[in-house]
Protein backbone atom coordinates (compact mmCIF):
# COMPACT_ATOMS: atom_id res chain seq x y z
CA UNK A 1 90.49 88.02 91.70
CA UNK A 2 92.41 90.92 89.90
CA UNK A 3 91.87 91.56 86.87
CA UNK A 4 95.30 90.51 84.43
CA UNK A 5 96.58 91.25 81.01
CA UNK A 6 95.47 87.21 80.52
CA UNK A 7 91.99 87.68 81.34
CA UNK A 8 91.83 91.05 79.09
CA UNK A 9 93.61 89.11 76.23
CA UNK A 10 90.71 86.25 76.85
CA UNK A 11 87.90 89.28 76.57
CA UNK A 12 89.64 90.27 72.93
CA UNK A 13 89.75 86.78 71.96
CA UNK A 14 86.40 86.24 72.72
CA UNK A 15 84.80 89.86 70.82
CA UNK A 16 87.49 88.85 67.99
CA UNK A 17 86.04 85.50 67.09
CA UNK A 18 82.75 86.10 68.23
CA UNK A 19 82.50 82.45 70.05
CA UNK A 20 84.26 81.26 73.45
CA UNK A 21 84.77 77.85 71.68
CA UNK A 22 86.99 79.74 68.85
CA UNK A 23 88.51 81.83 71.55
CA UNK A 24 89.27 79.12 73.38
CA UNK A 25 91.47 77.11 70.62
CA UNK A 26 92.61 80.92 69.07
CA UNK A 27 94.39 80.86 72.87
CA UNK A 28 95.52 77.13 73.24
CA UNK A 29 92.95 76.95 75.95
CA UNK A 30 89.50 74.62 76.68
CA UNK A 31 85.84 75.73 76.05
CA UNK A 32 85.32 75.33 79.83
CA UNK A 33 88.14 76.58 80.97
CA UNK A 34 87.68 79.53 78.71
CA UNK A 35 83.81 79.59 79.74
CA UNK A 36 84.53 79.19 83.51
CA UNK A 37 87.39 82.29 83.20
CA UNK A 38 84.46 84.70 81.63
CA UNK A 39 82.28 84.23 83.88
CA UNK A 40 84.69 84.84 86.62
CA UNK A 41 85.47 88.34 84.75
CA UNK A 42 82.19 89.19 84.55
CA UNK A 43 81.32 88.60 88.62
CA UNK A 44 84.65 90.49 88.80
CA UNK A 45 83.55 93.44 86.98
CA UNK A 46 79.58 93.25 87.93
CA UNK A 47 77.96 92.84 84.67
CA UNK A 48 77.72 91.23 81.73
CA UNK A 49 80.10 91.62 79.07
CA UNK A 50 78.97 89.18 76.41
CA UNK A 51 75.51 88.55 75.51
CA UNK A 52 74.93 85.01 74.13
CA UNK A 53 73.26 84.51 70.89
CA UNK A 54 72.28 81.44 68.45
CA UNK A 55 74.77 82.28 66.13
CA UNK A 56 77.64 83.59 68.95
CA UNK A 57 78.21 85.88 71.24
CA UNK A 58 78.09 90.00 70.87
CA UNK A 59 79.59 92.29 73.23
CA UNK A 60 77.11 94.58 75.64
CA UNK A 61 77.60 98.43 76.12
CA UNK A 62 79.11 98.00 78.97
CA UNK A 63 81.53 95.01 77.21
CA UNK A 64 81.77 97.15 74.81
CA UNK A 65 83.48 99.86 76.70
CA UNK A 66 85.28 97.04 78.43
CA UNK A 67 86.72 96.05 75.29
CA UNK A 68 88.10 99.60 74.10
CA UNK A 69 90.15 99.44 77.53
CA UNK A 70 91.34 96.10 77.26
CA UNK A 71 92.80 96.88 73.64
CA UNK A 72 94.20 100.09 75.00
CA UNK A 73 95.66 98.10 77.99
CA UNK A 74 97.05 95.37 75.69
CA UNK A 75 98.44 97.70 73.10
CA UNK A 76 100.45 99.96 75.71
CA UNK A 77 101.94 96.94 77.28
CA UNK A 78 102.85 95.61 74.03
CA UNK A 79 104.63 99.26 73.00
CA UNK A 80 106.24 99.27 76.68
CA UNK A 81 107.89 96.15 75.86
CA UNK A 82 109.73 97.21 72.43
CA UNK A 83 113.36 98.12 72.77
CA UNK A 84 114.04 101.77 73.06
CA UNK A 85 116.37 103.55 70.87
CA UNK A 86 119.44 105.52 72.61
CA UNK A 87 117.50 109.04 71.98
CA UNK A 88 114.25 107.69 73.90
CA UNK A 89 112.49 107.52 70.91
CA UNK A 90 110.67 104.08 69.33
CA UNK A 91 112.92 103.02 66.39
CA UNK A 92 111.15 101.84 63.28
CA UNK A 93 110.86 98.22 63.36
CA UNK A 94 109.91 96.38 59.90
CA UNK A 95 107.84 93.31 59.72
CA UNK A 96 107.76 90.93 56.82
CA UNK A 97 103.56 90.11 55.77
CA UNK A 98 102.49 87.28 53.66
CA UNK A 99 98.92 87.43 52.49
CA UNK A 100 96.96 85.18 49.68
CA UNK A 101 94.01 87.75 50.60
CA UNK A 102 95.10 91.30 49.71
CA UNK A 103 91.55 92.99 50.24
CA UNK A 104 92.60 92.47 53.83
CA UNK A 105 95.60 94.81 53.79
CA UNK A 106 94.31 98.01 53.82
CA UNK A 107 92.01 98.30 56.08
CA UNK A 108 94.29 95.87 58.77
CA UNK A 109 97.76 98.30 57.79
CA UNK A 110 95.64 101.09 58.26
CA UNK A 111 94.31 100.17 62.01
CA UNK A 112 97.69 99.07 62.78
CA UNK A 113 99.77 102.11 61.91
CA UNK A 114 97.19 104.09 64.01
CA UNK A 115 98.12 101.62 67.18
CA UNK A 116 101.75 101.13 66.06
CA UNK A 117 103.75 103.70 63.95
CA UNK A 118 106.67 102.74 64.26
CA UNK A 119 106.32 99.51 62.53
CA UNK A 120 106.79 99.19 59.05
CA UNK A 121 106.21 96.19 56.78
CA UNK A 122 107.77 94.43 53.76
CA UNK A 123 105.94 91.52 51.57
CA UNK A 124 107.59 88.30 50.64
CA UNK A 125 108.91 88.78 46.63
CA UNK A 126 108.73 84.68 46.69
CA UNK A 127 106.21 81.67 48.08
CA UNK A 128 109.14 80.19 50.04
CA UNK A 129 110.58 83.49 51.50
CA UNK A 130 110.18 83.76 55.44
CA UNK A 131 107.93 85.97 56.72
CA UNK A 132 107.20 86.88 60.51
CA UNK A 133 103.19 87.23 60.02
CA UNK A 134 100.86 86.30 57.39
CA UNK A 135 96.71 86.77 56.74
CA UNK A 136 95.88 83.32 54.51
CA UNK A 137 92.81 81.56 53.59
CA UNK A 138 92.63 77.75 53.57
CA UNK A 139 90.02 75.45 54.35
CA UNK A 140 88.85 75.17 57.81
CA UNK A 141 89.62 70.92 57.51
CA UNK A 142 92.82 71.86 56.29
CA UNK A 143 94.66 70.64 59.44
CA UNK A 144 96.58 73.73 60.05
CA UNK A 145 97.81 74.29 63.49
CA UNK A 146 99.72 75.79 66.34
CA UNK A 147 102.90 74.82 66.66
CA UNK A 148 106.15 75.89 69.37
CA UNK A 149 107.65 78.56 66.74
CA UNK A 150 104.30 79.37 64.77
CA UNK A 151 101.07 80.58 66.23
CA UNK A 152 97.57 80.54 64.46
CA UNK A 153 94.42 82.69 65.15
CA UNK A 154 90.95 82.08 62.97
CA UNK A 155 89.65 85.77 62.37
CA UNK A 156 86.29 84.16 60.72
CA UNK A 157 85.10 81.08 58.64
CA UNK A 158 82.77 81.90 55.56
CA UNK A 159 81.53 80.04 52.95
CA UNK A 160 82.40 80.01 48.83
CA UNK A 161 79.27 81.91 46.67
CA UNK A 162 79.76 81.64 42.73
CA UNK A 163 79.86 85.06 40.54
CA UNK A 164 77.59 85.04 37.61
CA UNK A 165 76.77 87.42 34.70
CA UNK A 166 74.13 89.53 35.41
CA UNK A 167 72.37 88.01 32.56
CA UNK A 168 73.01 84.17 33.80
CA UNK A 169 70.22 81.95 33.28
CA UNK A 170 70.27 81.30 36.86
CA UNK A 171 69.74 84.56 37.86
CA UNK A 172 66.87 84.27 39.39
CA UNK A 173 67.80 81.31 41.74
CA UNK A 174 68.46 82.69 45.23
CA UNK A 175 70.59 79.80 45.69
CA UNK A 176 71.86 77.77 42.91
CA UNK A 177 73.38 74.66 43.12
CA UNK A 178 76.83 73.29 42.18
CA UNK A 179 75.13 70.38 39.95
CA UNK A 180 73.19 73.00 37.73
CA UNK A 181 76.46 74.99 37.30
CA UNK A 182 78.91 72.06 35.74
CA UNK A 183 78.73 73.36 32.24
CA UNK A 184 80.42 76.59 33.11
CA UNK A 185 83.77 77.83 31.80
CA UNK A 186 84.83 77.99 35.26
CA UNK A 187 87.43 80.69 35.73
CA UNK A 188 89.62 81.51 39.08
CA UNK A 189 92.61 83.65 39.41
CA UNK A 190 95.84 81.54 40.04
CA UNK A 191 96.17 83.59 43.68
CA UNK A 192 92.99 82.28 45.01
CA UNK A 193 94.56 78.54 45.12
CA UNK A 194 92.39 78.27 48.61
CA UNK A 195 89.31 78.73 46.30
CA UNK A 196 90.38 76.40 43.70
CA UNK A 197 91.51 73.64 46.75
CA UNK A 198 88.56 74.14 48.52
CA UNK A 199 86.42 73.31 45.15
CA UNK A 200 88.78 70.41 44.27
CA UNK A 201 88.10 68.47 47.37
CA UNK A 202 84.41 68.76 47.14
CA UNK A 203 82.34 65.82 45.57
CA UNK A 204 79.78 68.40 44.86
CA UNK A 205 82.01 70.38 42.19
CA UNK A 206 82.09 68.40 39.35
CA UNK A 207 82.59 70.91 36.13
CA UNK A 208 82.45 69.31 32.75
CA UNK A 209 85.74 70.62 31.39
CA UNK A 210 89.05 72.30 32.68
CA UNK A 211 89.42 75.11 35.58
CA UNK A 212 91.16 78.04 34.08
CA UNK A 213 93.24 79.17 36.10
CA UNK A 214 94.25 83.42 35.09
CA UNK A 215 97.22 85.18 35.74
CA UNK A 216 94.91 88.43 37.23
CA UNK A 217 93.26 89.28 40.24
CA UNK A 218 90.18 88.85 41.46
CA UNK A 219 88.60 92.04 40.40
CA UNK A 220 89.87 91.58 36.87
CA UNK A 221 88.70 87.95 36.51
CA UNK A 222 84.76 89.16 38.00
CA UNK A 223 85.35 91.72 34.53
CA UNK A 224 85.55 88.79 32.85
CA UNK A 225 82.29 87.20 34.44
CA UNK A 226 81.07 90.17 33.76
CA UNK A 227 81.66 89.79 30.01
CA UNK A 228 79.99 86.86 29.61
CA UNK A 229 82.81 84.59 29.70
CA UNK A 230 82.63 82.32 32.51
CA UNK A 231 81.70 82.10 36.35
CA UNK A 232 84.04 82.12 39.07
CA UNK A 233 84.11 81.11 42.88
CA UNK A 234 84.35 83.99 45.44
CA UNK A 235 84.88 84.37 49.26
CA UNK A 236 81.31 85.38 50.41
CA UNK A 237 82.71 88.64 51.44
CA UNK A 238 83.91 89.86 48.03
CA UNK A 239 82.52 92.89 47.17
CA UNK A 240 79.96 92.82 43.82
CA UNK A 241 81.29 94.07 40.80
CA UNK A 242 79.21 96.11 37.94
CA UNK A 243 77.98 93.32 35.79
CA UNK A 244 78.22 90.11 37.91
CA UNK A 245 75.64 88.39 40.00
CA UNK A 246 77.54 87.15 43.99
CA UNK A 247 74.82 84.21 45.11
CA UNK A 248 75.34 81.67 47.86
CA UNK A 249 75.64 77.92 46.75
CA UNK A 250 72.89 75.81 47.96
CA UNK A 251 73.39 73.81 50.38
CA UNK A 252 76.61 75.99 51.05
CA UNK A 253 79.34 73.08 50.10
CA UNK A 254 82.61 74.88 49.84
CA UNK A 255 84.02 76.91 53.07
CA UNK A 256 87.37 78.85 53.74
CA UNK A 257 88.37 80.91 56.64
CA UNK A 258 90.61 83.98 57.58
CA UNK A 259 93.51 82.33 59.47
CA UNK A 260 96.73 84.86 61.33
CA UNK A 261 99.99 83.25 61.27
CA UNK A 262 102.75 84.44 63.23
CA UNK A 263 106.45 83.72 64.20
CA UNK A 264 106.06 83.54 67.83
CA UNK A 265 110.10 85.07 67.97
CA UNK A 266 108.80 87.90 66.07
CA UNK A 267 105.68 88.79 67.70
CA UNK A 268 104.81 88.80 71.25
CA UNK A 269 101.53 88.09 72.44
CA UNK A 270 100.03 92.16 73.10
CA UNK A 271 101.10 92.95 69.50
CA UNK A 272 99.72 89.53 67.97
CA UNK A 273 96.50 90.62 69.62
CA UNK A 274 97.04 94.48 68.23
CA UNK A 275 97.31 92.82 64.55
CA UNK A 276 94.43 90.34 65.08
CA UNK A 277 91.97 92.91 66.28
CA UNK A 278 93.01 95.10 63.30
CA UNK A 279 92.43 92.33 60.43
CA UNK A 280 88.64 91.18 62.12
CA UNK A 281 87.87 94.83 62.02
CA UNK A 282 89.10 94.31 58.45
CA UNK A 283 87.31 92.12 57.40
CA UNK A 284 83.78 93.31 58.90
CA UNK A 285 84.51 95.75 56.89
CA UNK A 286 84.94 94.40 53.76
CA UNK A 287 81.66 92.07 54.60
CA UNK A 288 79.77 95.29 55.04
CA UNK A 289 80.24 95.79 51.29
CA UNK A 290 78.92 92.19 50.43
CA UNK A 291 74.94 92.84 50.37
CA UNK A 292 74.97 88.82 49.07
CA UNK A 293 76.95 87.88 52.37
CA UNK A 294 74.02 89.42 54.55
CA UNK A 295 71.03 88.35 52.94
CA UNK A 296 72.92 84.64 53.00
CA UNK A 297 72.60 85.09 56.51
CA UNK A 298 69.44 86.49 57.20
CA UNK A 299 68.13 83.37 55.69
CA UNK A 300 70.47 80.94 57.08
CA UNK A 301 71.01 82.00 60.71
CA UNK A 302 68.04 83.51 63.11
CA UNK A 303 67.93 85.09 66.47
CA UNK A 304 66.67 83.10 69.31
CA UNK A 305 62.45 83.67 69.61
CA UNK A 306 61.98 85.22 73.02
CA UNK A 307 60.07 82.84 75.63
């Protein structure tokens, strides 16, 4: 067996999704076939690339070195495939990037520019304007699937938490129930459509009054929560704001997923891998600033006991 670019993409997909099963779905293969391919790659390399845990897989020390090399190779191959200007310099290329999760944009774009400095990005000015790639939030059961024209890869899936004023009567509850929050004045940014849809589709969410959708960003709505004007629902990776408490909901009834979409005609596989890796790293950086997410995960997901 000789290592091919498709093998490197499989390794990167597994590392980015943290699961063989999710990687298989992302690359359009079956889980058994992806598991078999991973075993063949590890046999060829002569060492284990990923350690299996109760919540998925993580790279070994050797695996981290392999992945760094794989990403560099894929990035170089992608650059070789781009058109070259007559004077030998790489031309600037503009991609239309749509998103409804702007918190991921700074970290994602900074990483892409380091690897692909010739790329330029613009934001669509209308919801129905065409895009080349998009970072979106949706429900895990939304039915979003790749098509012949549009590719889709899931970055991660996370629960929805509740943000309350710091002096809220339930401030000492580790995981308040949605039923105990029914009387709250619910505030949500208009842009957080995925959060609102996830709530409205859940039988557990039964507010006593209508949800107020505000023409503000998530940070501004958190400021209103801190002022005691209501509560809001946020993705679990949302960093805390002064004067607020972000808490998991009992039973984790609401979930969201981050998805990268791109037009196959606009982005080749290697460039899509670069963008996906940059967005995944940006998400991890964002989640690292959310202590409530780590506290919840440490209670919910425990490593397997040694035998």
